[in-house]
């Protein structure tokens, strides 16, 4: 699994700009427009094999962590792709192809027409592309295969070959690149401009913001499901969400903010210490990059730049920014796989376990818990954002086959 970074380090940065009373205003609505989110939810629910992912209750782990309740939304089963990103990338591919067909024919069509190949003469001329740490590229490749266009995926040298093989399995071309994820984003964008490809990215770069918002609208499906899955009368007090480029955390909190207003949960973003661009941005109050190689076992979170469209939500909607060492993620994977205190066994990937990893790290820090308002009355919602998306890596960390878990 490579060298772990950061050990058992824990850094907590309280956000002085957060207020429970802050309104879901124009800056937030332009990113997570409720009507656009509702449209995405309705569309994705119409896709073949759609099913809500489970919301697990983990009383054993909650008790050991001194919490009132702990829920984990398990995205490891989403559309068989292994992560929450199955929702965003594929939905953005559909929206782009639907708009391409509409612009050429004047017809606004549902996804069933694309699935049936009724406009293959048009969609077959389109090539979509993106850079990825693994999961977003898998979603874009799957969407391209499902809706009938070509696909090229850029993967930096830190992404495992097992993840590249999965993308190739959807018929996509994989381009291996040197450097970090952010380097691959820039190369992908340059090649797309030169070769006439359409970038379907979950992060922004200058002049490119619309599609990342569309990707985030797809993530609204998770909140719509959770609102129905939570026990009657129950609402989480805290929300621990993976950081990365920020799109996931902003989409989830934006949807809750729009839905519940001041009753929304407190958001804590979770990042690796070596890829802490959201933590740094929270500290400075402006978009701030993380330099270096971004080495972390939590590969899906190895991002050095915050998405500009995510920041208007994260800047005031985040209660605290948290960065932690890789050892906590490894411990979380193993605890979840063991079924702590009789809990359900959960297969969580390296980045997928980050929310639980943060709770494990905080369990021994009374000062940080008090700062975040975590106690025996707290009801915490986390995400298993990915399952064993590379089974060999998961096996090397946990010590057994994920298929047998």
Protein backbone atom coordinates (compact mmCIF):
# COMPACT_ATOMS: atom_id res chain seq x y z
CA UNK A 1 0.00 0.00 0.00
CA UNK A 2 3.02 2.29 0.00
CA UNK A 3 4.27 4.64 2.69
CA UNK A 4 1.70 6.13 5.04
CA UNK A 5 1.86 9.91 5.47
CA UNK A 6 1.25 11.96 8.58
CA UNK A 7 1.03 9.08 11.06
CA UNK A 8 -1.60 9.89 13.70
CA UNK A 9 -1.49 13.64 13.20
CA UNK A 10 -4.70 15.61 13.73
CA UNK A 11 -5.29 19.28 12.93
CA UNK A 12 -8.57 21.09 13.56
CA UNK A 13 -9.27 24.59 12.23
CA UNK A 14 -12.50 26.21 13.47
CA UNK A 15 -14.18 28.39 10.84
CA UNK A 16 -14.80 31.89 12.19
CA UNK A 17 -17.02 32.66 9.18
CA UNK A 18 -19.55 29.91 9.97
CA UNK A 19 -22.96 30.74 11.44
CA UNK A 20 -25.94 28.45 11.83
CA UNK A 21 -28.17 31.42 11.05
CA UNK A 22 -26.46 32.25 7.74
CA UNK A 23 -29.02 32.13 4.90
CA UNK A 24 -28.79 29.90 1.85
CA UNK A 25 -28.27 32.96 -0.31
CA UNK A 26 -27.58 33.81 -3.97
CA UNK A 27 -23.92 32.75 -3.82
CA UNK A 28 -24.95 29.28 -2.64
CA UNK A 29 -28.04 28.95 -4.84
CA UNK A 30 -26.08 29.60 -8.03
CA UNK A 31 -24.05 26.48 -7.24
CA UNK A 32 -26.69 24.14 -5.73
CA UNK A 33 -29.85 25.52 -7.32
CA UNK A 34 -32.72 23.54 -5.74
CA UNK A 35 -34.58 23.19 -9.06
CA UNK A 36 -31.46 21.87 -10.82
CA UNK A 37 -30.82 19.43 -7.98
CA UNK A 38 -34.43 18.20 -8.13
CA UNK A 39 -34.06 17.67 -11.90
CA UNK A 40 -30.88 15.66 -11.36
CA UNK A 41 -32.52 13.53 -8.67
CA UNK A 42 -35.51 12.73 -10.90
CA UNK A 43 -33.28 11.89 -13.87
CA UNK A 44 -30.87 9.62 -12.02
CA UNK A 45 -33.70 7.78 -10.30
CA UNK A 46 -34.99 6.84 -13.77
CA UNK A 47 -31.78 5.06 -14.79
CA UNK A 48 -31.68 1.27 -15.07
CA UNK A 49 -30.49 -0.46 -11.88
CA UNK A 50 -30.97 2.67 -9.74
CA UNK A 51 -31.51 1.86 -6.07
CA UNK A 52 -30.89 3.93 -2.93
CA UNK A 53 -27.67 3.06 -1.14
CA UNK A 54 -28.04 1.98 2.49
CA UNK A 55 -27.78 4.23 5.52
CA UNK A 56 -26.18 2.07 8.21
CA UNK A 57 -26.68 2.61 11.93
CA UNK A 58 -23.53 1.78 13.92
CA UNK A 59 -24.45 1.69 17.65
CA UNK A 60 -21.32 -0.23 18.67
CA UNK A 61 -18.91 2.26 17.16
CA UNK A 62 -21.03 5.17 18.38
CA UNK A 63 -20.80 3.86 21.94
CA UNK A 64 -17.02 3.38 21.78
CA UNK A 65 -16.63 6.92 20.40
CA UNK A 66 -18.89 8.49 23.04
CA UNK A 67 -21.57 9.57 20.57
CA UNK A 68 -25.34 9.42 20.77
CA UNK A 69 -25.75 7.97 17.29
CA UNK A 70 -23.63 7.28 14.21
CA UNK A 71 -24.93 6.80 10.69
CA UNK A 72 -22.86 5.89 7.64
CA UNK A 73 -24.23 6.41 4.14
CA UNK A 74 -22.58 3.53 2.25
CA UNK A 75 -21.80 4.58 -1.32
CA UNK A 76 -19.71 1.48 -2.01
CA UNK A 77 -22.71 -0.06 -3.78
CA UNK A 78 -23.72 2.87 -6.01
CA UNK A 79 -24.57 1.55 -9.49
CA UNK A 80 -21.95 -1.16 -9.04
CA UNK A 81 -19.17 1.43 -9.50
CA UNK A 82 -18.04 1.50 -5.90
CA UNK A 83 -18.37 5.18 -4.98
CA UNK A 84 -20.61 8.23 -4.72
CA UNK A 85 -18.99 9.65 -7.85
CA UNK A 86 -21.13 7.31 -9.93
CA UNK A 87 -23.82 9.98 -9.52
CA UNK A 88 -22.02 13.12 -10.69
CA UNK A 89 -19.77 12.27 -13.62
CA UNK A 90 -22.27 10.08 -15.45
CA UNK A 91 -25.04 12.64 -14.95
CA UNK A 92 -22.86 15.40 -16.39
CA UNK A 93 -22.09 13.18 -19.41
CA UNK A 94 -25.83 12.70 -19.96
CA UNK A 95 -26.53 16.42 -19.67
CA UNK A 96 -23.77 17.29 -22.15
CA UNK A 97 -24.92 14.70 -24.70
CA UNK A 98 -28.57 15.69 -24.31
CA UNK A 99 -27.67 19.33 -24.92
CA UNK A 100 -25.55 18.37 -27.93
CA UNK A 101 -28.47 16.49 -29.47
CA UNK A 102 -30.86 19.35 -28.67
CA UNK A 103 -28.57 21.92 -30.29
CA UNK A 104 -28.37 19.87 -33.50
CA UNK A 105 -31.96 18.64 -33.73
CA UNK A 106 -34.03 21.06 -31.64
CA UNK A 107 -35.28 18.10 -29.60
CA UNK A 108 -35.08 17.89 -25.82
CA UNK A 109 -34.82 14.23 -24.97
CA UNK A 110 -34.83 12.02 -21.85
CA UNK A 111 -32.03 9.59 -21.11
CA UNK A 112 -34.10 6.64 -22.34
CA UNK A 113 -33.57 7.87 -25.91
CA UNK A 114 -29.80 7.97 -25.47
CA UNK A 115 -29.82 4.58 -23.77
CA UNK A 116 -31.66 3.17 -26.77
CA UNK A 117 -29.06 4.62 -29.14
CA UNK A 118 -31.59 6.68 -31.08
CA UNK A 119 -29.10 9.51 -31.61
CA UNK A 120 -25.93 7.44 -31.94
CA UNK A 121 -24.96 9.27 -35.14
CA UNK A 122 -24.58 12.43 -33.05
CA UNK A 123 -23.33 11.08 -29.70
CA UNK A 124 -20.78 8.87 -31.45
CA UNK A 125 -18.95 11.97 -32.67
CA UNK A 126 -18.49 13.30 -29.11
CA UNK A 127 -15.45 12.54 -26.95
CA UNK A 128 -15.65 13.30 -23.23
CA UNK A 129 -12.57 13.44 -21.06
CA UNK A 130 -11.47 14.06 -17.48
CA UNK A 131 -8.60 13.70 -15.04
CA UNK A 132 -9.14 11.48 -12.03
CA UNK A 133 -7.74 9.77 -8.95
CA UNK A 134 -9.98 6.86 -9.93
CA UNK A 135 -13.63 7.19 -8.95
CA UNK A 136 -14.74 10.23 -10.95
CA UNK A 137 -13.09 8.85 -14.08
CA UNK A 138 -14.86 5.56 -13.55
CA UNK A 139 -18.20 7.41 -13.48
CA UNK A 140 -17.44 9.42 -16.62
CA UNK A 141 -16.28 6.29 -18.47
CA UNK A 142 -19.41 4.42 -17.38
CA UNK A 143 -21.64 7.31 -18.46
CA UNK A 144 -19.91 7.49 -21.85
CA UNK A 145 -20.39 3.76 -22.34
CA UNK A 146 -24.03 3.91 -21.26
CA UNK A 147 -25.04 6.96 -23.30
CA UNK A 148 -22.97 6.28 -26.42
CA UNK A 149 -19.90 8.52 -26.77
CA UNK A 150 -16.15 8.13 -26.74
CA UNK A 151 -14.06 8.71 -23.61
CA UNK A 152 -10.45 9.49 -22.65
CA UNK A 153 -9.40 9.41 -18.98
CA UNK A 154 -6.20 10.96 -17.58
CA UNK A 155 -4.65 9.26 -14.54
CA UNK A 156 -1.54 10.52 -12.77
CA UNK A 157 1.27 8.21 -11.75
CA UNK A 158 -0.04 7.81 -8.20
CA UNK A 159 -3.24 6.04 -9.30
CA UNK A 160 -3.06 2.26 -9.08
CA UNK A 161 -3.12 0.16 -12.22
CA UNK A 162 -6.10 -1.74 -10.83
CA UNK A 163 -8.19 1.44 -10.96
CA UNK A 164 -6.97 2.14 -14.51
CA UNK A 165 -8.02 -1.34 -15.60
CA UNK A 166 -11.56 -0.78 -14.34
CA UNK A 167 -11.84 2.38 -16.46
CA UNK A 168 -10.51 0.56 -19.51
CA UNK A 169 -13.20 -2.04 -18.92
CA UNK A 170 -15.82 0.58 -19.85
CA UNK A 171 -14.12 1.12 -23.21
CA UNK A 172 -12.30 4.31 -22.27
CA UNK A 173 -8.76 5.17 -23.31
CA UNK A 174 -6.47 5.78 -20.33
CA UNK A 175 -3.66 8.34 -20.59
CA UNK A 176 -1.02 8.00 -17.85
CA UNK A 177 0.55 11.30 -16.75
CA UNK A 178 3.50 12.30 -14.54
CA UNK A 179 3.06 14.42 -11.43
CA UNK A 180 -0.02 14.96 -9.27
CA UNK A 181 -3.77 14.99 -9.82
CA UNK A 182 -3.69 18.74 -10.40
CA UNK A 183 -1.01 18.27 -13.07
CA UNK A 184 -3.25 15.74 -14.84
CA UNK A 185 -6.18 18.19 -14.69
CA UNK A 186 -4.15 20.81 -16.53
CA UNK A 187 -2.87 18.38 -19.19
CA UNK A 188 -6.38 17.01 -19.76
CA UNK A 189 -7.77 20.52 -20.28
CA UNK A 190 -4.97 21.48 -22.68
CA UNK A 191 -5.43 18.32 -24.78
CA UNK A 192 -9.20 18.78 -24.81
CA UNK A 193 -8.87 22.32 -26.19
CA UNK A 194 -6.44 21.13 -28.84
CA UNK A 195 -8.36 18.01 -29.89
CA UNK A 196 -11.98 19.15 -29.56
CA UNK A 197 -12.91 17.00 -26.56
CA UNK A 198 -15.40 17.95 -23.84
CA UNK A 199 -14.01 18.02 -20.32
CA UNK A 200 -16.35 16.51 -17.70
CA UNK A 201 -14.55 17.53 -14.52
CA UNK A 202 -15.64 17.65 -10.90
CA UNK A 203 -13.30 20.55 -10.23
CA UNK A 204 -12.93 23.98 -11.78
CA UNK A 205 -10.26 25.83 -13.70
CA UNK A 206 -10.37 29.33 -15.25
CA UNK A 207 -13.39 29.66 -17.52
CA UNK A 208 -14.80 26.26 -16.55
CA UNK A 209 -17.50 26.21 -13.86
CA UNK A 210 -20.83 25.02 -15.30
CA UNK A 211 -20.14 21.30 -15.56
CA UNK A 212 -18.65 21.01 -12.04
CA UNK A 213 -21.95 22.43 -10.75
CA UNK A 214 -23.83 19.83 -12.81
CA UNK A 215 -21.69 17.11 -11.25
CA UNK A 216 -22.56 18.45 -7.80
CA UNK A 217 -26.28 18.44 -8.64
CA UNK A 218 -26.00 14.69 -9.18
CA UNK A 219 -24.66 14.27 -5.65
CA UNK A 220 -27.93 15.73 -4.38
CA UNK A 221 -29.40 12.24 -4.83
CA UNK A 222 -27.66 11.16 -1.62
CA UNK A 223 -29.29 13.86 0.49
CA UNK A 224 -32.71 13.14 -1.02
CA UNK A 225 -32.27 9.49 -0.04
CA UNK A 226 -30.99 10.24 3.46
CA UNK A 227 -33.88 12.56 4.23
CA UNK A 228 -36.16 9.55 3.71
CA UNK A 229 -33.85 7.01 5.42
CA UNK A 230 -33.19 8.77 8.73
CA UNK A 231 -35.37 7.57 11.61
CA UNK A 232 -38.55 9.57 12.06
CA UNK A 233 -37.91 12.76 13.96
CA UNK A 234 -34.12 12.31 13.85
CA UNK A 235 -31.67 14.75 12.31
CA UNK A 236 -27.88 14.64 12.45
CA UNK A 237 -26.13 17.27 14.52
CA UNK A 238 -22.81 16.81 12.74
CA UNK A 239 -21.76 15.92 9.21
CA UNK A 240 -18.24 14.58 8.58
CA UNK A 241 -17.50 14.63 4.85
CA UNK A 242 -14.42 13.90 2.73
CA UNK A 243 -12.66 16.99 1.39
CA UNK A 244 -10.77 16.44 -1.88
CA UNK A 245 -11.46 19.35 -4.21
CA UNK A 246 -14.54 20.23 -2.15
CA UNK A 247 -17.34 19.42 -4.56
CA UNK A 248 -18.69 16.48 -2.55
CA UNK A 249 -18.76 18.31 0.79
CA UNK A 250 -20.24 21.46 -0.75
CA UNK A 251 -22.93 19.52 -2.59
CA UNK A 252 -24.04 17.60 0.50
CA UNK A 253 -24.02 20.61 2.82
CA UNK A 254 -25.58 22.81 0.13
CA UNK A 255 -28.47 20.37 -0.24
CA UNK A 256 -28.97 20.13 3.54
CA UNK A 257 -28.68 23.93 3.86
CA UNK A 258 -31.36 24.44 1.22
CA UNK A 259 -33.59 21.77 2.78
CA UNK A 260 -33.22 22.45 6.53
CA UNK A 261 -31.83 25.98 6.82
CA UNK A 262 -30.52 26.75 10.32
CA UNK A 263 -31.36 23.18 11.43
CA UNK A 264 -28.75 21.74 9.08
CA UNK A 265 -25.93 19.71 10.67
CA UNK A 266 -22.55 21.19 11.45
CA UNK A 267 -20.18 20.37 8.60
CA UNK A 268 -16.64 19.14 9.29
CA UNK A 269 -14.50 18.56 6.19
CA UNK A 270 -11.88 15.81 6.39
CA UNK A 271 -8.61 15.74 4.41
CA UNK A 272 -5.19 14.05 4.51
CA UNK A 273 -2.47 16.22 6.07
CA UNK A 274 -0.52 16.11 2.79
CA UNK A 275 -3.50 17.20 0.66
CA UNK A 276 -5.13 19.81 2.87
CA UNK A 277 -6.16 22.54 0.40
CA UNK A 278 -9.57 23.06 2.06
CA UNK A 279 -7.96 23.23 5.51
CA UNK A 280 -5.47 25.82 4.23
CA UNK A 281 -8.21 27.80 2.51
CA UNK A 282 -10.21 27.79 5.74
CA UNK A 283 -7.19 29.10 7.59
CA UNK A 284 -6.49 31.94 5.14
CA UNK A 285 -10.09 32.73 4.19
CA UNK A 286 -9.30 32.45 0.47
CA UNK A 287 -8.53 29.69 -2.04
CA UNK A 288 -5.11 28.34 -1.09
CA UNK A 289 -3.22 25.49 -2.76
CA UNK A 290 -1.35 22.62 -1.15
CA UNK A 291 2.10 22.25 -2.75
CA UNK A 292 4.12 19.08 -3.17
CA UNK A 293 3.44 15.53 -4.24
CA UNK A 294 0.19 15.16 -2.22
CA UNK A 295 1.27 11.70 -1.02
CA UNK A 296 -1.45 9.92 0.96
CA UNK A 297 -2.98 6.47 1.21
CA UNK A 298 -6.33 8.28 0.82
CA UNK A 299 -5.75 8.58 -2.92
CA UNK A 300 -9.25 9.79 -3.74
CA UNK A 301 -8.58 12.88 -1.61
CA UNK A 302 -5.15 13.73 -3.07
CA UNK A 303 -6.16 17.17 -4.37
CA UNK A 304 -4.11 20.33 -4.03
CA UNK A 305 -6.64 22.90 -5.22
CA UNK A 306 -10.19 23.66 -4.03
CA UNK A 307 -12.95 23.86 -6.64
CA UNK A 308 -13.90 27.51 -7.05
CA UNK A 309 -17.62 26.66 -7.31
CA UNK A 310 -17.50 24.66 -4.07
CA UNK A 311 -15.88 27.45 -2.05
CA UNK A 312 -18.92 29.79 -1.71
CA UNK A 313 -20.67 26.99 0.19
CA UNK A 314 -17.64 25.73 2.12
CA UNK A 315 -16.43 29.20 3.09
CA UNK A 316 -19.42 29.95 5.31
CA UNK A 317 -21.13 26.56 5.48
CA UNK A 318 -18.27 24.65 7.11
CA UNK A 319 -18.08 24.62 10.91
CA UNK A 320 -14.53 23.25 11.05
CA UNK A 321 -11.79 22.04 8.73
CA UNK A 322 -9.92 18.90 9.75
CA UNK A 323 -6.73 17.26 8.44
CA UNK A 324 -5.42 13.91 9.65
CA UNK A 325 -2.63 11.41 9.09
CA UNK A 326 -3.02 8.23 7.10
CA UNK A 327 -2.77 5.91 10.12
CA UNK A 328 -6.24 7.02 11.19
CA UNK A 329 -7.69 6.00 7.79
CA UNK A 330 -6.07 2.57 8.03
CA UNK A 331 -7.47 2.08 11.55
CA UNK A 332 -10.92 3.14 10.39
CA UNK A 333 -10.88 0.67 7.49
CA UNK A 334 -9.98 -2.14 9.84
CA UNK A 335 -12.50 -1.16 12.52
CA UNK A 336 -15.32 -0.96 9.97
CA UNK A 337 -14.32 -4.31 8.44
CA UNK A 338 -14.29 -5.91 11.90
CA UNK A 339 -17.81 -4.79 12.82
CA UNK A 340 -16.95 -2.80 15.93
CA UNK A 341 -19.06 -3.80 18.94
CA UNK A 342 -21.25 -6.13 16.91
CA UNK A 343 -21.95 -3.57 14.17
CA UNK A 344 -22.53 -4.50 10.55
CA UNK A 345 -19.30 -5.26 8.66
CA UNK A 346 -18.55 -2.46 6.18
CA UNK A 347 -16.01 -2.51 3.35
CA UNK A 348 -14.65 1.03 3.13
CA UNK A 349 -11.87 2.13 0.79
CA UNK A 350 -8.93 4.29 1.82
CA UNK A 351 -10.71 7.59 1.18
CA UNK A 352 -14.09 6.08 1.98
CA UNK A 353 -13.23 5.62 5.64
CA UNK A 354 -12.07 9.24 6.17
CA UNK A 355 -15.13 10.42 8.10
CA UNK A 356 -14.89 7.56 10.58
CA UNK A 357 -11.11 8.08 10.71
CA UNK A 358 -11.71 11.66 11.84
CA UNK A 359 -14.03 10.49 14.61
CA UNK A 360 -11.42 7.99 15.80
CA UNK A 361 -8.79 10.73 15.87
CA UNK A 362 -11.09 13.07 17.81
CA UNK A 363 -12.04 10.42 20.36
CA UNK A 364 -8.79 10.99 22.23
CA UNK A 365 -8.79 14.77 22.03
CA UNK A 366 -11.18 16.20 24.62
CA UNK A 367 -10.38 19.78 23.67
CA UNK A 368 -11.16 19.29 19.98
CA UNK A 369 -14.37 17.40 20.82
CA UNK A 370 -15.52 20.25 23.03
CA UNK A 371 -14.70 22.76 20.32
CA UNK A 372 -16.79 20.83 17.81
CA UNK A 373 -19.62 20.14 20.27
CA UNK A 374 -19.15 16.37 20.06
CA UNK A 375 -20.53 14.52 23.08
CA UNK A 376 -22.90 11.74 24.12
CA UNK A 377 -25.86 13.67 22.67
CA UNK A 378 -24.29 14.12 19.22
CA UNK A 379 -25.85 12.37 16.24
CA UNK A 380 -23.21 12.11 13.54
CA UNK A 381 -23.62 11.39 9.84
CA UNK A 382 -20.64 10.16 7.83
CA UNK A 383 -20.14 8.79 4.35
CA UNK A 384 -18.46 5.64 3.20
CA UNK A 385 -17.64 7.46 -0.02
CA UNK A 386 -16.05 4.42 -1.67
CA UNK A 387 -15.80 0.70 -1.21
CA UNK A 388 -12.83 -1.47 -2.18
CA UNK A 389 -12.32 0.23 -5.54
CA UNK A 390 -8.91 -1.46 -5.73
CA UNK A 391 -9.31 -4.83 -4.09
CA UNK A 392 -5.57 -5.52 -3.95
CA UNK A 393 -4.93 -2.31 -2.01
CA UNK A 394 -7.83 -3.01 0.38
CA UNK A 395 -6.56 -6.55 0.95
CA UNK A 396 -3.05 -5.28 1.74
CA UNK A 397 -4.44 -2.92 4.42
CA UNK A 398 -7.17 -5.01 6.02
CA UNK A 399 -5.59 -8.44 5.58
CA UNK A 400 -8.39 -10.33 3.90
CA UNK A 401 -10.43 -10.46 0.72
CA UNK A 402 -13.09 -7.71 0.52
CA UNK A 403 -15.42 -10.12 -1.25
CA UNK A 404 -15.43 -12.27 1.88
CA UNK A 405 -16.14 -9.41 4.27
